[in-house]
Protein backbone atom coordinates (compact mmCIF):
# COMPACT_ATOMS: atom_id res chain seq x y z
CA MET A 1 46.23 38.72 169.90
CA SER A 2 46.04 37.44 165.96
CA SER A 3 48.26 40.31 163.56
CA ILE A 4 45.82 40.74 160.90
CA LEU A 5 46.90 43.31 157.89
CA ILE A 6 44.54 44.93 155.37
CA VAL A 7 45.73 45.32 152.16
CA ASP A 8 43.07 47.59 150.63
CA ASP A 9 42.36 51.22 149.20
CA GLU A 10 38.50 51.71 150.09
CA LYS A 11 39.16 53.97 152.99
CA ASP A 12 35.30 53.22 154.55
CA LEU A 13 35.12 50.19 154.00
CA VAL A 14 38.99 49.72 155.70
CA ARG A 15 37.91 51.73 158.79
CA ARG A 16 34.86 49.33 159.46
CA CYS A 17 36.79 46.14 158.88
CA ARG A 18 39.53 47.46 161.40
CA ALA A 19 37.59 48.78 164.18
CA GLU A 20 34.99 45.10 164.12
CA LEU A 21 38.08 43.03 163.82
CA ALA A 22 39.75 45.12 166.47
CA ASP A 23 36.37 45.06 168.64
CA ASP A 24 37.07 40.84 168.09
CA GLY A 25 40.13 41.31 170.04
CA HIS A 26 42.57 41.48 166.75
CA ASP A 27 44.95 43.84 166.25
CA VAL A 28 45.12 45.35 162.80
CA SER A 29 47.02 47.51 160.26
CA ALA A 30 46.12 48.15 156.87
CA VAL A 31 47.78 49.72 154.11
CA PRO A 32 46.31 51.09 150.67
CA ASP A 33 49.25 49.52 148.04
CA ALA A 34 50.64 46.28 146.91
CA ASP A 35 54.13 48.12 147.51
CA SER A 36 53.22 49.03 151.12
CA ALA A 37 52.14 45.79 151.60
CA LEU A 38 55.11 44.29 151.20
CA GLU A 39 57.08 46.82 152.71
CA TRP A 40 55.15 46.14 155.97
CA LEU A 41 55.33 42.65 155.68
CA SER A 42 59.20 42.86 155.33
CA ARG A 43 59.21 44.44 158.79
CA ASN A 44 56.21 42.70 160.73
CA ASP A 45 54.83 39.37 161.22
CA ALA A 46 51.01 39.05 160.10
CA ASP A 47 49.03 35.88 161.19
CA LEU A 48 46.65 36.99 158.70
CA VAL A 49 46.16 39.53 155.45
CA ILE A 50 43.08 40.48 153.86
CA LEU A 51 43.69 41.10 150.36
CA ASP A 52 41.73 42.80 147.44
CA LEU A 53 42.90 41.55 144.67
CA GLU A 54 42.68 44.97 142.65
CA VAL A 55 44.57 47.53 145.01
CA PRO A 56 47.08 50.24 143.67
CA GLY A 57 51.10 49.74 142.54
CA ARG A 58 50.96 45.69 140.91
CA ARG A 59 48.27 43.17 140.03
CA GLY A 60 46.50 41.96 142.74
CA LEU A 61 47.11 37.97 141.91
CA ASP A 62 50.86 38.90 141.50
CA LEU A 63 50.81 40.64 145.05
CA LEU A 64 49.33 37.31 146.34
CA THR A 65 52.27 35.12 144.89
CA ASP A 66 54.98 37.70 146.42
CA ILE A 67 53.24 37.37 149.87
CA LEU A 68 52.90 33.45 149.32
CA GLN A 69 56.80 33.19 148.55
CA ARG A 70 57.82 35.82 151.17
CA ARG A 71 55.83 34.80 154.22
CA ARG A 72 54.66 31.34 153.69
CA HIS A 73 53.23 30.63 156.79
CA THR A 74 51.01 33.69 156.79
CA ARG A 75 47.43 32.98 156.05
CA ILE A 76 45.76 35.26 152.98
CA LEU A 77 42.12 35.65 152.80
CA VAL A 78 41.17 37.18 149.54
CA HIS A 79 38.85 40.16 149.88
CA THR A 80 36.94 41.28 146.69
CA ALA A 81 33.87 42.66 144.76
CA ARG A 82 34.85 40.47 141.83
CA PRO A 83 34.11 37.08 141.27
CA CYS A 84 35.97 36.20 138.76
CA TYR A 85 38.81 35.66 140.60
CA ARG A 86 37.33 32.44 142.28
CA ASP A 87 38.30 31.02 138.91
CA ASP A 88 41.69 31.90 138.71
CA PHE A 89 44.36 29.59 138.83
CA ASN A 90 46.69 31.88 140.54
CA SER A 91 43.89 32.72 143.24
CA TRP A 92 44.00 29.01 144.81
CA GLY A 93 47.33 29.85 147.00
CA ALA A 94 44.64 32.17 149.21
CA ASP A 95 43.42 30.17 152.16
CA ALA A 96 39.30 32.13 151.82
CA TYR A 97 37.68 34.05 149.25
CA VAL A 98 35.44 35.92 150.49
CA MET A 99 33.13 38.59 148.69
CA LYS A 100 32.82 41.93 149.62
CA SER A 101 28.94 43.28 151.23
CA GLY A 102 27.87 45.21 153.72
CA ASP A 103 27.58 42.51 156.10
CA SER A 104 30.71 41.98 157.24
CA SER A 105 29.45 38.47 159.41
CA PRO A 106 31.32 36.13 156.08
CA LEU A 107 34.38 37.67 156.81
CA ARG A 108 34.51 37.79 160.44
CA SER A 109 33.54 34.45 160.13
CA ALA A 110 35.95 33.45 157.58
CA VAL A 111 38.45 35.35 160.21
CA ALA A 112 37.92 33.47 162.96
CA MET A 113 38.28 30.18 161.29
CA LEU A 114 41.33 30.75 159.67
CA LEU A 115 43.11 31.95 162.80
CA ARG A 116 41.39 28.74 164.74
CA LYS A 117 43.08 26.70 161.52
CA ALA A 118 46.51 28.59 162.46
CA ALA A 119 46.76 27.75 166.22
């Protein structure tokens, strides 16, 4: 069972993603902000972090960099509604980039692909 951390403050989206990823057999945790994400990662391991780049507490790209510095082995999937981040050099450290939408299949496919690569 893979461990996934979702970092996102959109409660309805998080609830839906948690349920769908749990149905896929993953152990899913969620936190709403940057500080909670770093605290969670200091106490727990995650195989994958699903990261919204617009969460309270810190610039999302700075959080991405912090996670990479602290947890180099952890895969990061950027899950955001803003396509402008894709062209930002600082986002290139992420392993995948998925646009938010009502259809969760691109997210679920990316999660499966990244976890297969990690195995």
